[in-house]
Amino acid sequence: MKTFKQLVEECSKRINEVFPWDLAEQLHQKNILIIDIREPAEYAAMHIADSLNVPRGILETACEYDYEDTVPALATARQQHIVLVCRSGNRSVFAAEVMQQMGYQQVWSLRTGLRGWNDSEQPLLDSHGMPVDLEAADAYFTVTLRPDQQRPKTA
């Protein structure tokens, strides 16, 4: 049996990844389609400017025509430079692999996700398009696990 971490590590060897600071620089030089694959509530809390929210749960059908979830900007982007974004860079690894299998030629995962984007002090916007305070973003991205979510202690 493989752990989630092992699956992410294996999958990351088969895809392209970009670090937040490199993406920030590339945004000024290239036409990049940023796809935020988090859930709508996560996206509303904060996101990268001009990113498109396509939740991971509908990504495959959003990439194709003739589905209720079709996103035309994505369905026509198989040759476009695409960066997939999630909270920590794990979900986007899996999404990048699937999109490669679907024929997308230039797809990358944002390594370290929005957490890393925020750590490198890149701007985030809220649902009203207003800048998110760096400290508020830090608090949002701080992992807080309930006791029942933590691995049981062994004797």
N, C-alpha and C. Protein backbone atom coordinates (compact mmCIF):
# COMPACT_ATOMS: atom_id res chain seq x y z
N MET A 1 0.84 -1.18 0.00
CA MET A 1 0.00 0.00 0.00
C MET A 1 0.89 1.25 0.00
N LYS A 2 0.51 2.24 -0.79
CA LYS A 2 1.26 3.49 -0.86
C LYS A 2 0.54 4.57 -0.08
N THR A 3 1.33 5.46 0.48
CA THR A 3 0.75 6.60 1.18
C THR A 3 0.49 7.73 0.17
N PHE A 4 -0.28 8.70 0.60
CA PHE A 4 -0.55 9.87 -0.24
C PHE A 4 0.76 10.54 -0.63
N LYS A 5 1.65 10.70 0.33
CA LYS A 5 2.93 11.35 0.07
C LYS A 5 3.74 10.58 -0.98
N GLN A 6 3.74 9.26 -0.89
CA GLN A 6 4.46 8.45 -1.89
C GLN A 6 3.84 8.61 -3.28
N LEU A 7 2.51 8.64 -3.34
CA LEU A 7 1.84 8.83 -4.63
C LEU A 7 2.19 10.17 -5.25
N VAL A 8 2.20 11.22 -4.43
CA VAL A 8 2.56 12.56 -4.92
C VAL A 8 4.00 12.55 -5.43
N GLU A 9 4.91 11.96 -4.67
CA GLU A 9 6.32 11.92 -5.07
C GLU A 9 6.50 11.17 -6.39
N GLU A 10 5.83 10.05 -6.56
CA GLU A 10 5.92 9.28 -7.80
C GLU A 10 5.37 10.07 -8.98
N CYS A 11 4.22 10.66 -8.78
CA CYS A 11 3.56 11.41 -9.85
C CYS A 11 4.37 12.65 -10.23
N SER A 12 5.00 13.29 -9.26
CA SER A 12 5.75 14.52 -9.55
C SER A 12 6.94 14.26 -10.46
N LYS A 13 7.39 13.02 -10.54
CA LYS A 13 8.50 12.68 -11.44
C LYS A 13 8.06 12.66 -12.90
N ARG A 14 6.76 12.59 -13.14
CA ARG A 14 6.23 12.48 -14.50
C ARG A 14 5.64 13.78 -15.04
N ILE A 15 5.71 14.84 -14.25
CA ILE A 15 5.10 16.10 -14.67
C ILE A 15 6.12 17.23 -14.53
N ASN A 16 5.74 18.39 -15.05
CA ASN A 16 6.56 19.60 -14.89
C ASN A 16 6.05 20.40 -13.71
N GLU A 17 6.97 21.00 -12.97
CA GLU A 17 6.60 21.86 -11.86
C GLU A 17 7.32 23.18 -11.99
N VAL A 18 6.72 24.23 -11.46
CA VAL A 18 7.31 25.56 -11.47
C VAL A 18 7.22 26.12 -10.05
N PHE A 19 8.29 26.77 -9.61
CA PHE A 19 8.28 27.39 -8.29
C PHE A 19 7.55 28.73 -8.35
N PRO A 20 6.97 29.17 -7.24
CA PRO A 20 6.21 30.43 -7.23
C PRO A 20 6.98 31.63 -7.76
N TRP A 21 8.23 31.80 -7.35
CA TRP A 21 8.99 32.97 -7.80
C TRP A 21 9.26 32.92 -9.31
N ASP A 22 9.42 31.72 -9.85
CA ASP A 22 9.60 31.60 -11.30
C ASP A 22 8.30 31.91 -12.03
N LEU A 23 7.18 31.44 -11.51
CA LEU A 23 5.90 31.74 -12.13
C LEU A 23 5.64 33.24 -12.09
N ALA A 24 5.93 33.88 -10.96
CA ALA A 24 5.70 35.33 -10.86
C ALA A 24 6.47 36.07 -11.95
N GLU A 25 7.69 35.63 -12.22
CA GLU A 25 8.49 36.25 -13.27
C GLU A 25 7.92 35.93 -14.66
N GLN A 26 7.52 34.69 -14.87
CA GLN A 26 6.99 34.27 -16.17
C GLN A 26 5.68 34.96 -16.51
N LEU A 27 4.89 35.32 -15.52
CA LEU A 27 3.61 35.97 -15.77
C LEU A 27 3.79 37.29 -16.52
N HIS A 28 4.95 37.91 -16.35
CA HIS A 28 5.23 39.18 -17.03
C HIS A 28 5.77 38.96 -18.43
N GLN A 29 6.15 37.73 -18.75
CA GLN A 29 6.80 37.44 -20.02
C GLN A 29 5.98 36.58 -20.97
N LYS A 30 5.07 35.76 -20.44
CA LYS A 30 4.34 34.80 -21.25
C LYS A 30 2.85 34.91 -21.02
N ASN A 31 2.09 34.40 -21.98
CA ASN A 31 0.65 34.27 -21.82
C ASN A 31 0.40 32.93 -21.15
N ILE A 32 0.11 32.95 -19.87
CA ILE A 32 -0.06 31.73 -19.08
C ILE A 32 -1.49 31.65 -18.57
N LEU A 33 -2.10 30.50 -18.74
CA LEU A 33 -3.44 30.25 -18.21
C LEU A 33 -3.25 29.59 -16.84
N ILE A 34 -3.69 30.27 -15.79
CA ILE A 34 -3.58 29.73 -14.44
C ILE A 34 -4.92 29.12 -14.07
N ILE A 35 -4.90 27.83 -13.77
CA ILE A 35 -6.10 27.10 -13.38
C ILE A 35 -5.98 26.73 -11.91
N ASP A 36 -6.86 27.29 -11.11
CA ASP A 36 -6.91 27.01 -9.67
C ASP A 36 -7.89 25.86 -9.48
N ILE A 37 -7.39 24.71 -9.06
CA ILE A 37 -8.22 23.51 -8.98
C ILE A 37 -8.82 23.28 -7.59
N ARG A 38 -8.71 24.27 -6.73
CA ARG A 38 -9.32 24.14 -5.40
C ARG A 38 -10.84 24.28 -5.49
N GLU A 39 -11.49 23.99 -4.42
CA GLU A 39 -12.95 24.12 -4.37
C GLU A 39 -13.35 25.60 -4.41
N PRO A 40 -14.56 25.90 -4.87
CA PRO A 40 -14.99 27.30 -4.99
C PRO A 40 -14.83 28.13 -3.73
N ALA A 41 -15.11 27.58 -2.56
CA ALA A 41 -14.96 28.34 -1.31
C ALA A 41 -13.49 28.68 -1.05
N GLU A 42 -12.60 27.76 -1.38
CA GLU A 42 -11.17 28.02 -1.21
C GLU A 42 -10.73 29.14 -2.15
N TYR A 43 -11.20 29.05 -3.39
CA TYR A 43 -10.87 30.07 -4.41
C TYR A 43 -11.39 31.44 -3.97
N ALA A 44 -12.62 31.48 -3.45
CA ALA A 44 -13.21 32.74 -3.02
C ALA A 44 -12.41 33.37 -1.88
N ALA A 45 -11.85 32.55 -1.01
CA ALA A 45 -11.08 33.08 0.11
C ALA A 45 -9.85 33.84 -0.37
N MET A 46 -9.16 33.27 -1.36
CA MET A 46 -7.99 33.95 -1.94
C MET A 46 -7.50 33.16 -3.14
N HIS A 47 -7.00 33.91 -4.12
CA HIS A 47 -6.53 33.31 -5.36
C HIS A 47 -5.57 34.25 -6.08
N ILE A 48 -4.90 33.72 -7.08
CA ILE A 48 -4.00 34.52 -7.91
C ILE A 48 -4.85 35.31 -8.91
N ALA A 49 -4.51 36.55 -9.13
CA ALA A 49 -5.23 37.40 -10.08
C ALA A 49 -5.31 36.73 -11.44
N ASP A 50 -6.47 36.85 -12.07
CA ASP A 50 -6.73 36.34 -13.41
C ASP A 50 -6.69 34.83 -13.52
N SER A 51 -6.69 34.12 -12.40
CA SER A 51 -6.75 32.66 -12.46
C SER A 51 -8.21 32.24 -12.68
N LEU A 52 -8.35 31.04 -13.19
CA LEU A 52 -9.66 30.49 -13.49
C LEU A 52 -9.92 29.34 -12.52
N ASN A 53 -11.06 29.34 -11.85
CA ASN A 53 -11.37 28.28 -10.89
C ASN A 53 -12.07 27.12 -11.60
N VAL A 54 -11.37 25.99 -11.65
CA VAL A 54 -11.92 24.74 -12.20
C VAL A 54 -11.62 23.67 -11.15
N PRO A 55 -12.56 23.39 -10.26
CA PRO A 55 -12.30 22.43 -9.18
C PRO A 55 -11.82 21.08 -9.70
N ARG A 56 -10.94 20.45 -8.95
CA ARG A 56 -10.36 19.16 -9.34
C ARG A 56 -11.42 18.12 -9.66
N GLY A 57 -12.53 18.16 -8.97
CA GLY A 57 -13.57 17.18 -9.17
C GLY A 57 -14.23 17.21 -10.54
N ILE A 58 -14.10 18.33 -11.26
CA ILE A 58 -14.70 18.42 -12.60
C ILE A 58 -13.66 18.70 -13.69
N LEU A 59 -12.40 18.62 -13.35
CA LEU A 59 -11.35 19.02 -14.28
C LEU A 59 -11.42 18.28 -15.62
N GLU A 60 -11.56 16.98 -15.58
CA GLU A 60 -11.54 16.21 -16.82
C GLU A 60 -12.68 16.61 -17.75
N THR A 61 -13.88 16.77 -17.21
CA THR A 61 -15.00 17.16 -18.07
C THR A 61 -14.93 18.63 -18.45
N ALA A 62 -14.28 19.45 -17.64
CA ALA A 62 -14.09 20.86 -17.98
C ALA A 62 -13.15 21.00 -19.18
N CYS A 63 -12.27 20.03 -19.36
CA CYS A 63 -11.28 20.05 -20.44
C CYS A 63 -11.86 19.61 -21.79
N GLU A 64 -13.06 19.09 -21.79
CA GLU A 64 -13.67 18.51 -23.00
C GLU A 64 -14.96 19.23 -23.34
N TYR A 65 -15.28 19.29 -24.61
CA TYR A 65 -16.58 19.81 -25.03
C TYR A 65 -17.67 18.77 -24.79
N ASP A 66 -18.90 19.22 -24.82
CA ASP A 66 -20.09 18.38 -24.71
C ASP A 66 -20.38 17.88 -23.29
N TYR A 67 -19.90 18.60 -22.29
CA TYR A 67 -20.23 18.29 -20.90
C TYR A 67 -20.78 19.55 -20.23
N GLU A 68 -21.60 19.36 -19.22
CA GLU A 68 -22.12 20.51 -18.48
C GLU A 68 -21.00 21.32 -17.83
N ASP A 69 -19.89 20.66 -17.54
CA ASP A 69 -18.77 21.31 -16.87
C ASP A 69 -17.77 21.93 -17.84
N THR A 70 -17.99 21.82 -19.14
CA THR A 70 -17.03 22.32 -20.13
C THR A 70 -16.69 23.78 -19.87
N VAL A 71 -15.38 24.06 -19.85
CA VAL A 71 -14.88 25.42 -19.75
C VAL A 71 -14.17 25.69 -21.08
N PRO A 72 -14.81 26.42 -21.99
CA PRO A 72 -14.24 26.62 -23.33
C PRO A 72 -12.79 27.12 -23.32
N ALA A 73 -12.45 28.01 -22.41
CA ALA A 73 -11.07 28.52 -22.35
C ALA A 73 -10.07 27.40 -22.06
N LEU A 74 -10.51 26.39 -21.38
CA LEU A 74 -9.65 25.26 -21.05
C LEU A 74 -9.71 24.20 -22.16
N ALA A 75 -10.87 23.97 -22.70
CA ALA A 75 -11.04 22.95 -23.74
C ALA A 75 -10.23 23.29 -25.00
N THR A 76 -9.97 24.56 -25.23
CA THR A 76 -9.23 24.99 -26.42
C THR A 76 -7.75 25.26 -26.13
N ALA A 77 -7.27 24.91 -24.94
CA ALA A 77 -5.94 25.33 -24.51
C ALA A 77 -4.89 24.22 -24.52
N ARG A 78 -5.06 23.20 -25.33
CA ARG A 78 -4.11 22.07 -25.30
C ARG A 78 -2.69 22.46 -25.70
N GLN A 79 -2.52 23.55 -26.41
CA GLN A 79 -1.18 24.00 -26.80
C GLN A 79 -0.70 25.18 -25.96
N GLN A 80 -1.56 25.69 -25.08
CA GLN A 80 -1.23 26.87 -24.28
C GLN A 80 -0.43 26.48 -23.03
N HIS A 81 0.35 27.43 -22.55
CA HIS A 81 1.10 27.25 -21.30
C HIS A 81 0.09 27.35 -20.15
N ILE A 82 -0.05 26.26 -19.38
CA ILE A 82 -1.01 26.19 -18.28
C ILE A 82 -0.28 25.86 -16.99
N VAL A 83 -0.64 26.58 -15.93
CA VAL A 83 -0.11 26.28 -14.60
C VAL A 83 -1.30 25.95 -13.71
N LEU A 84 -1.23 24.79 -13.08
CA LEU A 84 -2.27 24.33 -12.17
C LEU A 84 -1.88 24.67 -10.74
N VAL A 85 -2.87 25.16 -10.00
CA VAL A 85 -2.63 25.68 -8.65
C VAL A 85 -3.58 25.01 -7.66
N CYS A 86 -3.04 24.63 -6.52
CA CYS A 86 -3.87 24.18 -5.40
C CYS A 86 -3.28 24.78 -4.12
N ARG A 87 -3.71 24.32 -2.99
CA ARG A 87 -3.26 24.89 -1.72
C ARG A 87 -1.77 24.63 -1.45
N SER A 88 -1.34 23.38 -1.62
CA SER A 88 0.03 23.03 -1.23
C SER A 88 0.87 22.42 -2.35
N GLY A 89 0.28 22.25 -3.52
CA GLY A 89 1.03 21.69 -4.64
C GLY A 89 0.89 20.19 -4.79
N ASN A 90 -0.02 19.57 -4.07
CA ASN A 90 -0.22 18.13 -4.18
C ASN A 90 -1.33 17.78 -5.17
N ARG A 91 -2.51 18.35 -4.97
CA ARG A 91 -3.62 18.08 -5.90
C ARG A 91 -3.24 18.45 -7.33
N SER A 92 -2.50 19.54 -7.46
CA SER A 92 -2.13 20.00 -8.81
C SER A 92 -1.17 19.05 -9.50
N VAL A 93 -0.39 18.28 -8.74
CA VAL A 93 0.49 17.27 -9.34
C VAL A 93 -0.35 16.22 -10.04
N PHE A 94 -1.38 15.72 -9.37
CA PHE A 94 -2.26 14.72 -9.98
C PHE A 94 -3.00 15.30 -11.17
N ALA A 95 -3.47 16.53 -11.04
CA ALA A 95 -4.19 17.18 -12.13
C ALA A 95 -3.30 17.37 -13.35
N ALA A 96 -2.04 17.73 -13.14
CA ALA A 96 -1.11 17.91 -14.26
C ALA A 96 -0.89 16.60 -15.00
N GLU A 97 -0.77 15.51 -14.26
CA GLU A 97 -0.58 14.22 -14.93
C GLU A 97 -1.79 13.85 -15.78
N VAL A 98 -2.98 14.06 -15.25
CA VAL A 98 -4.20 13.75 -16.00
C VAL A 98 -4.28 14.62 -17.25
N MET A 99 -3.99 15.90 -17.11
CA MET A 99 -4.08 16.78 -18.27
C MET A 99 -3.05 16.40 -19.34
N GLN A 100 -1.87 15.96 -18.93
CA GLN A 100 -0.89 15.48 -19.89
C GLN A 100 -1.45 14.28 -20.65
N GLN A 101 -2.09 13.38 -19.94
CA GLN A 101 -2.69 12.21 -20.57
C GLN A 101 -3.80 12.61 -21.53
N MET A 102 -4.42 13.75 -21.27
CA MET A 102 -5.51 14.24 -22.13
C MET A 102 -4.99 15.07 -23.30
N GLY A 103 -3.68 15.16 -23.45
CA GLY A 103 -3.11 15.83 -24.60
C GLY A 103 -2.66 17.26 -24.41
N TYR A 104 -2.67 17.74 -23.19
CA TYR A 104 -2.17 19.09 -22.93
C TYR A 104 -0.65 19.05 -22.98
N GLN A 105 -0.06 19.90 -23.80
CA GLN A 105 1.37 19.85 -24.09
C GLN A 105 2.24 20.65 -23.12
N GLN A 106 1.71 21.72 -22.56
CA GLN A 106 2.52 22.63 -21.73
C GLN A 106 1.85 22.87 -20.39
N VAL A 107 1.72 21.84 -19.61
CA VAL A 107 1.05 21.97 -18.32
C VAL A 107 2.06 21.78 -17.19
N TRP A 108 1.98 22.65 -16.19
CA TRP A 108 2.86 22.62 -15.02
C TRP A 108 2.01 22.66 -13.76
N SER A 109 2.58 22.17 -12.70
CA SER A 109 1.99 22.27 -11.37
C SER A 109 2.79 23.32 -10.59
N LEU A 110 2.09 24.17 -9.86
CA LEU A 110 2.78 25.16 -9.02
C LEU A 110 3.31 24.44 -7.79
N ARG A 111 4.63 24.24 -7.77
CA ARG A 111 5.27 23.56 -6.65
C ARG A 111 5.08 24.38 -5.38
N THR A 112 4.68 23.76 -4.33
CA THR A 112 4.36 24.34 -3.02
C THR A 112 3.02 25.07 -3.02
N GLY A 113 2.33 25.13 -4.15
CA GLY A 113 0.98 25.68 -4.24
C GLY A 113 0.86 27.12 -3.79
N LEU A 114 -0.36 27.49 -3.43
CA LEU A 114 -0.61 28.87 -2.99
C LEU A 114 0.07 29.16 -1.66
N ARG A 115 0.30 28.13 -0.89
CA ARG A 115 1.03 28.33 0.37
C ARG A 115 2.43 28.87 0.05
N GLY A 116 3.10 28.27 -0.92
CA GLY A 116 4.42 28.75 -1.34
C GLY A 116 4.35 30.09 -2.03
N TRP A 117 3.29 30.31 -2.81
CA TRP A 117 3.08 31.59 -3.48
C TRP A 117 3.01 32.70 -2.42
N ASN A 118 2.24 32.44 -1.37
CA ASN A 118 2.12 33.40 -0.28
C ASN A 118 3.44 33.55 0.48
N ASP A 119 4.13 32.43 0.73
CA ASP A 119 5.42 32.50 1.43
C ASP A 119 6.43 33.34 0.67
N SER A 120 6.33 33.37 -0.66
CA SER A 120 7.25 34.20 -1.44
C SER A 120 6.68 35.61 -1.65
N GLU A 121 5.64 35.91 -0.87
CA GLU A 121 5.03 37.24 -0.81
C GLU A 121 4.50 37.73 -2.15
N GLN A 122 3.89 36.80 -2.89
CA GLN A 122 3.23 37.16 -4.14
C GLN A 122 1.77 37.53 -3.82
N PRO A 123 1.19 38.40 -4.60
CA PRO A 123 -0.16 38.90 -4.27
C PRO A 123 -1.27 37.87 -4.46
N LEU A 124 -2.23 37.95 -3.57
CA LEU A 124 -3.45 37.14 -3.63
C LEU A 124 -4.64 38.09 -3.53
N LEU A 125 -5.74 37.70 -4.19
CA LEU A 125 -6.95 38.51 -4.17
C LEU A 125 -8.08 37.74 -3.50
N ASP A 126 -9.03 38.48 -2.90
CA ASP A 126 -10.20 37.83 -2.33
C ASP A 126 -11.30 37.76 -3.38
N SER A 127 -12.49 37.34 -2.98
CA SER A 127 -13.60 37.15 -3.92
C SER A 127 -14.08 38.46 -4.53
N HIS A 128 -13.73 39.60 -3.93
CA HIS A 128 -14.11 40.91 -4.47
C HIS A 128 -12.98 41.54 -5.29
N GLY A 129 -11.91 40.78 -5.50
CA GLY A 129 -10.79 41.31 -6.27
C GLY A 129 -9.89 42.23 -5.47
N MET A 130 -10.04 42.22 -4.18
CA MET A 130 -9.23 43.07 -3.30
C MET A 130 -8.02 42.29 -2.80
N PRO A 131 -6.89 42.97 -2.62
CA PRO A 131 -5.69 42.29 -2.11
C PRO A 131 -5.92 41.69 -0.73
N VAL A 132 -5.36 40.51 -0.53
CA VAL A 132 -5.44 39.82 0.76
C VAL A 132 -4.19 40.20 1.56
N ASP A 133 -4.41 40.58 2.80
CA ASP A 133 -3.32 40.93 3.69
C ASP A 133 -2.42 39.71 3.90
N LEU A 134 -1.10 39.92 3.86
CA LEU A 134 -0.14 38.84 3.99
C LEU A 134 -0.33 38.05 5.29
N GLU A 135 -0.58 38.74 6.38
CA GLU A 135 -0.77 38.04 7.65
C GLU A 135 -2.06 37.21 7.66
N ALA A 136 -3.10 37.72 7.02
CA ALA A 136 -4.36 36.96 6.92
C ALA A 136 -4.13 35.71 6.08
N ALA A 137 -3.36 35.84 5.02
CA ALA A 137 -3.05 34.68 4.18
C ALA A 137 -2.20 33.68 4.96
N ASP A 138 -1.23 34.18 5.72
CA ASP A 138 -0.41 33.28 6.55
C ASP A 138 -1.30 32.46 7.49
N ALA A 139 -2.25 33.11 8.12
CA ALA A 139 -3.15 32.42 9.05
C ALA A 139 -4.00 31.39 8.30
N TYR A 140 -4.47 31.75 7.13
CA TYR A 140 -5.29 30.85 6.32
C TYR A 140 -4.52 29.59 5.94
N PHE A 141 -3.26 29.74 5.59
CA PHE A 141 -2.47 28.60 5.13
C PHE A 141 -1.79 27.82 6.24
N THR A 142 -1.93 28.26 7.48
CA THR A 142 -1.37 27.53 8.61
C THR A 142 -2.17 26.25 8.83
N VAL A 143 -1.49 25.14 8.84
CA VAL A 143 -2.15 23.85 9.03
C VAL A 143 -2.56 23.69 10.48
N THR A 144 -3.83 23.38 10.68
CA THR A 144 -4.33 23.11 12.02
C THR A 144 -5.10 21.79 11.96
N LEU A 145 -4.55 20.80 12.61
CA LEU A 145 -5.17 19.48 12.63
C LEU A 145 -5.85 19.25 13.98
N ARG A 146 -7.05 18.68 13.90
CA ARG A 146 -7.71 18.25 15.13
C ARG A 146 -6.99 17.00 15.64
N PRO A 147 -7.11 16.69 16.91
CA PRO A 147 -6.46 15.49 17.44
C PRO A 147 -6.83 14.21 16.68
N ASP A 148 -8.10 14.10 16.26
CA ASP A 148 -8.52 12.89 15.57
C ASP A 148 -7.96 12.79 14.14
N GLN A 149 -7.37 13.86 13.63
CA GLN A 149 -6.76 13.85 12.31
C GLN A 149 -5.28 13.49 12.36
N GLN A 150 -4.73 13.44 13.55
CA GLN A 150 -3.32 13.16 13.72
C GLN A 150 -3.09 11.66 13.90
N ARG A 151 -1.93 11.23 13.40
CA ARG A 151 -1.55 9.81 13.54
C ARG A 151 -1.52 9.43 15.01
N PRO A 152 -2.15 8.32 15.36
CA PRO A 152 -2.13 7.87 16.75
C PRO A 152 -0.70 7.62 17.23
N LYS A 153 -0.46 7.97 18.46
CA LYS A 153 0.87 7.74 19.04
C LYS A 153 1.00 6.26 19.36
N THR A 154 2.16 5.72 19.03
CA THR A 154 2.42 4.30 19.32
C THR A 154 3.24 4.20 20.60
N ALA A 155 3.06 3.09 21.31
CA ALA A 155 3.76 2.89 22.58
C ALA A 155 5.19 2.48 22.37
